Amino acid sequence: MKRRHPIIRFFSHLVSNPWQVKRHFSVAALRNIEQAIEASEKTHAGEIRFVVEAGLHPLEILNKKTPKKRALELFGRLNIWDTELNNGVLIYLLLADRDVEIVADRGIHHHVGNEGWEHICQAMEALFRRGEFEAGVLLGIEKIGAILAQHSVLIGVNKNEVSNKPVIL
């Protein structure tokens, strides 16, 4: 994703509000995303979590916090890293930057690598640019689920270690 000028970035975050998330993700869309995660997780032993954030605090922008750094922070804060098989995956969307980041635990990341995740992010961002936010997230879940199904094995009862409910910040 092409980075914007710091002043433009600062003001886009300054004016960002939670209502922007609601504008792009209706209650029905969030429910569809949750159901897609649940359905995906029935096919593999991985854990997927979706987080969408309208914008960062202006001080975080002045300190040059990137979407990737914020995604890593949330990966830890939401305990996505703490799954038994080390195969949690976070999809993080920062609306003010029009940027999506995927952070995966080591149990699955070594199979995919940064380029693999970036490829999925680019496909999602293409849909976001067309205003198809729900479709973009559902595509990401589908692609991540396929990777998890290919590289993880269902072990016994597939327990849900991480909530499937989308997080709105």
C-alpha atoms as a PDB file:
ATOM      1  CA  MET A   1       0.000   0.000   0.000  1.00  0.00           C
ATOM      2  CA  LYS A   2       1.316   3.419  -0.926  1.00  0.00           C
ATOM      3  CA  ARG A   3       1.917   5.626   2.119  1.00  0.00           C
ATOM      4  CA  ARG A   4       0.374   9.084   2.192  1.00  0.00           C
ATOM      5  CA  HIS A   5       2.032  12.333   3.175  1.00  0.00           C
ATOM      6  CA  PRO A   6       2.305  12.568   7.002  1.00  0.00           C
ATOM      7  CA  ILE A   7       0.123  15.704   7.200  1.00  0.00           C
ATOM      8  CA  ILE A   8      -2.633  14.124   5.117  1.00  0.00           C
ATOM      9  CA  ARG A   9      -2.361  10.971   7.216  1.00  0.00           C
ATOM     10  CA  PHE A  10      -2.568  12.998  10.450  1.00  0.00           C
ATOM     11  CA  PHE A  11      -5.751  14.792   9.385  1.00  0.00           C
ATOM     12  CA  SER A  12      -7.419  11.656   8.015  1.00  0.00           C
ATOM     13  CA  HIS A  13      -6.953  10.028  11.441  1.00  0.00           C
ATOM     14  CA  LEU A  14      -7.972  13.199  13.275  1.00  0.00           C
ATOM     15  CA  VAL A  15     -11.362  13.255  11.563  1.00  0.00           C
ATOM     16  CA  SER A  16     -11.941   9.502  11.683  1.00  0.00           C
ATOM     17  CA  ASN A  17     -14.872   8.356  13.795  1.00  0.00           C
ATOM     18  CA  PRO A  18     -16.462   5.041  14.771  1.00  0.00           C
ATOM     19  CA  TRP A  19     -19.472   5.914  12.582  1.00  0.00           C
ATOM     20  CA  GLN A  20     -17.199   5.345   9.573  1.00  0.00           C
ATOM     21  CA  VAL A  21     -16.874   1.708  10.572  1.00  0.00           C
ATOM     22  CA  LYS A  22     -20.667   1.435  10.761  1.00  0.00           C
ATOM     23  CA  ARG A  23     -20.934   3.075   7.341  1.00  0.00           C
ATOM     24  CA  HIS A  24     -18.761   0.345   5.794  1.00  0.00           C
ATOM     25  CA  PHE A  25     -19.854  -2.577   7.997  1.00  0.00           C
ATOM     26  CA  SER A  26     -23.533  -2.965   8.814  1.00  0.00           C
ATOM     27  CA  VAL A  27     -24.710  -5.197  11.632  1.00  0.00           C
ATOM     28  CA  ALA A  28     -25.594  -7.811   9.008  1.00  0.00           C
ATOM     29  CA  ALA A  29     -22.124  -7.553   7.431  1.00  0.00           C
ATOM     30  CA  LEU A  30     -20.440  -8.059  10.805  1.00  0.00           C
ATOM     31  CA  ARG A  31     -22.671 -11.075  11.460  1.00  0.00           C
ATOM     32  CA  ASN A  32     -21.757 -12.499   8.021  1.00  0.00           C
ATOM     33  CA  ILE A  33     -18.068 -12.036   8.805  1.00  0.00           C
ATOM     34  CA  GLU A  34     -18.468 -13.791  12.155  1.00  0.00           C
ATOM     35  CA  GLN A  35     -20.338 -16.671  10.500  1.00  0.00           C
ATOM     36  CA  ALA A  36     -17.681 -16.943   7.764  1.00  0.00           C
ATOM     37  CA  ILE A  37     -14.953 -17.223  10.412  1.00  0.00           C
ATOM     38  CA  GLU A  38     -16.960 -19.870  12.269  1.00  0.00           C
ATOM     39  CA  ALA A  39     -17.548 -21.873   9.072  1.00  0.00           C
ATOM     40  CA  SER A  40     -13.894 -21.586   8.068  1.00  0.00           C
ATOM     41  CA  GLU A  41     -12.669 -22.769  11.460  1.00  0.00           C
ATOM     42  CA  LYS A  42     -14.693 -25.979  11.093  1.00  0.00           C
ATOM     43  CA  THR A  43     -12.316 -26.971   8.258  1.00  0.00           C
ATOM     44  CA  HIS A  44      -9.004 -26.464  10.060  1.00  0.00           C
ATOM     45  CA  ALA A  45      -7.388 -26.095  13.485  1.00  0.00           C
ATOM     46  CA  GLY A  46      -6.481 -22.423  12.997  1.00  0.00           C
ATOM     47  CA  GLU A  47      -8.015 -19.348  14.611  1.00  0.00           C
ATOM     48  CA  ILE A  48      -9.007 -16.232  12.636  1.00  0.00           C
ATOM     49  CA  ARG A  49      -9.845 -12.843  14.160  1.00  0.00           C
ATOM     50  CA  PHE A  50     -11.018  -9.699  12.336  1.00  0.00           C
ATOM     51  CA  VAL A  51     -10.442  -6.226  13.783  1.00  0.00           C
ATOM     52  CA  VAL A  52     -11.485  -2.961  12.143  1.00  0.00           C
ATOM     53  CA  GLU A  53     -10.427   0.434  13.466  1.00  0.00           C
ATOM     54  CA  ALA A  54     -11.584   3.814  12.188  1.00  0.00           C
ATOM     55  CA  GLY A  55      -8.346   5.625  13.008  1.00  0.00           C
ATOM     56  CA  LEU A  56      -5.505   5.995  15.461  1.00  0.00           C
ATOM     57  CA  HIS A  57      -5.090   8.641  18.146  1.00  0.00           C
ATOM     58  CA  PRO A  58      -3.287  11.734  16.795  1.00  0.00           C
ATOM     59  CA  LEU A  59      -0.348  11.124  19.156  1.00  0.00           C
ATOM     60  CA  GLU A  60       0.138   7.681  17.637  1.00  0.00           C
ATOM     61  CA  ILE A  61       0.263   9.299  14.204  1.00  0.00           C
ATOM     62  CA  LEU A  62       2.806  11.871  15.396  1.00  0.00           C
ATOM     63  CA  ASN A  63       4.871   8.966  16.753  1.00  0.00           C
ATOM     64  CA  LYS A  64       4.653   7.386  13.279  1.00  0.00           C
ATOM     65  CA  LYS A  65       2.769   4.244  14.304  1.00  0.00           C
ATOM     66  CA  THR A  66       2.215   2.144  11.220  1.00  0.00           C
ATOM     67  CA  PRO A  67      -0.760  -0.116  10.563  1.00  0.00           C
ATOM     68  CA  LYS A  68       1.623  -3.092  10.777  1.00  0.00           C
ATOM     69  CA  LYS A  69       2.839  -2.013  14.224  1.00  0.00           C
ATOM     70  CA  ARG A  70      -0.739  -1.520  15.407  1.00  0.00           C
ATOM     71  CA  ALA A  71      -1.712  -4.946  14.054  1.00  0.00           C
ATOM     72  CA  LEU A  72       1.171  -6.566  15.931  1.00  0.00           C
ATOM     73  CA  GLU A  73       0.104  -4.736  19.091  1.00  0.00           C
ATOM     74  CA  LEU A  74      -3.478  -6.017  18.754  1.00  0.00           C
ATOM     75  CA  PHE A  75      -2.264  -9.527  17.911  1.00  0.00           C
ATOM     76  CA  GLY A  76      -0.703  -9.621  21.377  1.00  0.00           C
ATOM     77  CA  ARG A  77      -3.402  -7.705  23.240  1.00  0.00           C
ATOM     78  CA  LEU A  78      -6.186  -9.947  21.924  1.00  0.00           C
ATOM     79  CA  ASN A  79      -4.148 -13.106  22.720  1.00  0.00           C
ATOM     80  CA  ILE A  80      -4.267 -14.341  19.141  1.00  0.00           C
ATOM     81  CA  TRP A  81      -0.665 -15.485  19.583  1.00  0.00           C
ATOM     82  CA  ASP A  82      -1.674 -17.711  22.490  1.00  0.00           C
ATOM     83  CA  THR A  83      -3.311 -20.605  20.639  1.00  0.00           C
ATOM     84  CA  GLU A  84      -2.280 -24.166  21.432  1.00  0.00           C
ATOM     85  CA  LEU A  85      -0.951 -24.848  17.928  1.00  0.00           C
ATOM     86  CA  ASN A  86       0.465 -21.340  17.326  1.00  0.00           C
ATOM     87  CA  ASN A  87      -1.783 -20.845  14.307  1.00  0.00           C
ATOM     88  CA  GLY A  88      -3.797 -17.731  15.085  1.00  0.00           C
ATOM     89  CA  VAL A  89      -4.292 -15.180  12.302  1.00  0.00           C
ATOM     90  CA  LEU A  90      -5.350 -11.544  12.666  1.00  0.00           C
ATOM     91  CA  ILE A  91      -6.931  -9.558   9.846  1.00  0.00           C
ATOM     92  CA  TYR A  92      -6.581  -5.876  10.812  1.00  0.00           C
ATOM     93  CA  LEU A  93      -8.232  -3.096   8.803  1.00  0.00           C
ATOM     94  CA  LEU A  94      -7.307   0.530   9.539  1.00  0.00           C
ATOM     95  CA  LEU A  95      -9.890   2.582   7.657  1.00  0.00           C
ATOM     96  CA  ALA A  96      -8.185   5.982   7.945  1.00  0.00           C
ATOM     97  CA  ASP A  97      -5.109   4.595   6.171  1.00  0.00           C
ATOM     98  CA  ARG A  98      -7.134   2.361   3.838  1.00  0.00           C
ATOM     99  CA  ASP A  99      -4.750  -0.413   4.844  1.00  0.00           C
ATOM    100  CA  VAL A 100      -5.212  -4.058   5.798  1.00  0.00           C
ATOM    101  CA  GLU A 101      -2.572  -6.111   7.595  1.00  0.00           C
ATOM    102  CA  ILE A 102      -2.476  -9.824   8.267  1.00  0.00           C
ATOM    103  CA  VAL A 103      -0.453 -11.071  11.238  1.00  0.00           C
ATOM    104  CA  ALA A 104      -0.038 -14.799  11.691  1.00  0.00           C
ATOM    105  CA  ASP A 105       1.521 -16.844  14.451  1.00  0.00           C
ATOM    106  CA  ARG A 106       4.665 -18.843  13.741  1.00  0.00           C
ATOM    107  CA  GLY A 107       2.816 -22.148  13.378  1.00  0.00           C
ATOM    108  CA  ILE A 108       1.280 -20.978  10.096  1.00  0.00           C
ATOM    109  CA  HIS A 109       3.447 -18.002   9.088  1.00  0.00           C
ATOM    110  CA  HIS A 110       6.446 -20.127   8.103  1.00  0.00           C
ATOM    111  CA  HIS A 111       4.261 -21.909   5.531  1.00  0.00           C
ATOM    112  CA  VAL A 112       3.082 -18.657   3.925  1.00  0.00           C
ATOM    113  CA  GLY A 113       5.676 -15.946   4.532  1.00  0.00           C
ATOM    114  CA  ASN A 114       5.238 -12.200   4.216  1.00  0.00           C
ATOM    115  CA  GLU A 115       4.682 -12.370   0.457  1.00  0.00           C
ATOM    116  CA  GLY A 116       1.790 -14.794   0.826  1.00  0.00           C
ATOM    117  CA  TRP A 117       0.007 -12.613   3.358  1.00  0.00           C
ATOM    118  CA  GLU A 118       0.692  -9.481   1.302  1.00  0.00           C
ATOM    119  CA  HIS A 119      -0.879 -11.131  -1.734  1.00  0.00           C
ATOM    120  CA  ILE A 120      -4.089 -11.693   0.261  1.00  0.00           C
ATOM    121  CA  CYS A 121      -3.991  -8.095   1.565  1.00  0.00           C
ATOM    122  CA  GLN A 122      -3.700  -6.750  -1.983  1.00  0.00           C
ATOM    123  CA  ALA A 123      -6.700  -8.785  -3.121  1.00  0.00           C
ATOM    124  CA  MET A 124      -8.727  -7.467  -0.183  1.00  0.00           C
ATOM    125  CA  GLU A 125      -7.623  -3.859  -0.773  1.00  0.00           C
ATOM    126  CA  ALA A 126      -8.709  -4.097  -4.422  1.00  0.00           C
ATOM    127  CA  LEU A 127     -12.262  -4.798  -3.220  1.00  0.00           C
ATOM    128  CA  PHE A 128     -12.038  -2.069  -0.565  1.00  0.00           C
ATOM    129  CA  ARG A 129     -11.112   0.483  -3.253  1.00  0.00           C
ATOM    130  CA  ARG A 130     -14.385  -0.410  -4.993  1.00  0.00           C
ATOM    131  CA  GLY A 131     -16.279   0.112  -1.728  1.00  0.00           C
ATOM    132  CA  GLU A 132     -16.846  -3.624  -1.238  1.00  0.00           C
ATOM    133  CA  PHE A 133     -15.670  -3.867   2.364  1.00  0.00           C
ATOM    134  CA  GLU A 134     -17.672  -6.898   3.454  1.00  0.00           C
ATOM    135  CA  ALA A 135     -16.702  -8.782   0.279  1.00  0.00           C
ATOM    136  CA  GLY A 136     -13.045  -7.886   0.840  1.00  0.00           C
ATOM    137  CA  VAL A 137     -13.030  -9.272   4.366  1.00  0.00           C
ATOM    138  CA  LEU A 138     -14.936 -12.399   3.313  1.00  0.00           C
ATOM    139  CA  LEU A 139     -12.389 -12.969   0.542  1.00  0.00           C
ATOM    140  CA  GLY A 140      -9.562 -12.656   3.075  1.00  0.00           C
ATOM    141  CA  ILE A 141     -11.234 -15.141   5.413  1.00  0.00           C
ATOM    142  CA  GLU A 142     -11.741 -17.571   2.531  1.00  0.00           C
ATOM    143  CA  LYS A 143      -8.107 -17.361   1.393  1.00  0.00           C
ATOM    144  CA  ILE A 144      -6.715 -17.603   4.935  1.00  0.00           C
ATOM    145  CA  GLY A 145      -9.036 -20.510   5.677  1.00  0.00           C
ATOM    146  CA  ALA A 146      -7.777 -22.357   2.591  1.00  0.00           C
ATOM    147  CA  ILE A 147      -4.182 -21.871   3.726  1.00  0.00           C
ATOM    148  CA  LEU A 148      -4.996 -23.022   7.255  1.00  0.00           C
ATOM    149  CA  ALA A 149      -6.838 -26.073   5.917  1.00  0.00           C
ATOM    150  CA  GLN A 150      -3.845 -26.943   3.752  1.00  0.00           C
ATOM    151  CA  HIS A 151      -1.273 -26.570   6.524  1.00  0.00           C
ATOM    152  CA  SER A 152      -3.088 -27.599   9.696  1.00  0.00           C
ATOM    153  CA  VAL A 153      -4.812 -30.754  10.771  1.00  0.00           C
ATOM    154  CA  LEU A 154      -8.032 -31.001  12.740  1.00  0.00           C
ATOM    155  CA  ILE A 155      -7.055 -32.580  16.046  1.00  0.00           C
ATOM    156  CA  GLY A 156      -9.918 -34.156  17.955  1.00  0.00           C
ATOM    157  CA  VAL A 157     -12.618 -31.665  18.750  1.00  0.00           C
ATOM    158  CA  ASN A 158     -11.831 -28.345  17.145  1.00  0.00           C
ATOM    159  CA  LYS A 159     -12.011 -25.968  20.112  1.00  0.00           C
ATOM    160  CA  ASN A 160     -12.571 -22.279  19.548  1.00  0.00           C
ATOM    161  CA  GLU A 161      -9.698 -20.549  21.354  1.00  0.00           C
ATOM    162  CA  VAL A 162     -10.270 -17.054  19.953  1.00  0.00           C
ATOM    163  CA  SER A 163     -13.658 -15.368  19.591  1.00  0.00           C
ATOM    164  CA  ASN A 164     -15.072 -15.227  16.058  1.00  0.00           C
ATOM    165  CA  LYS A 165     -16.862 -11.948  16.740  1.00  0.00           C
ATOM    166  CA  PRO A 166     -15.363  -8.987  14.846  1.00  0.00           C
ATOM    167  CA  VAL A 167     -13.739  -6.312  16.995  1.00  0.00           C
ATOM    168  CA  ILE A 168     -14.554  -2.667  16.259  1.00  0.00           C
ATOM    169  CA  LEU A 169     -12.174  -0.060  17.664  1.00  0.00           C
END
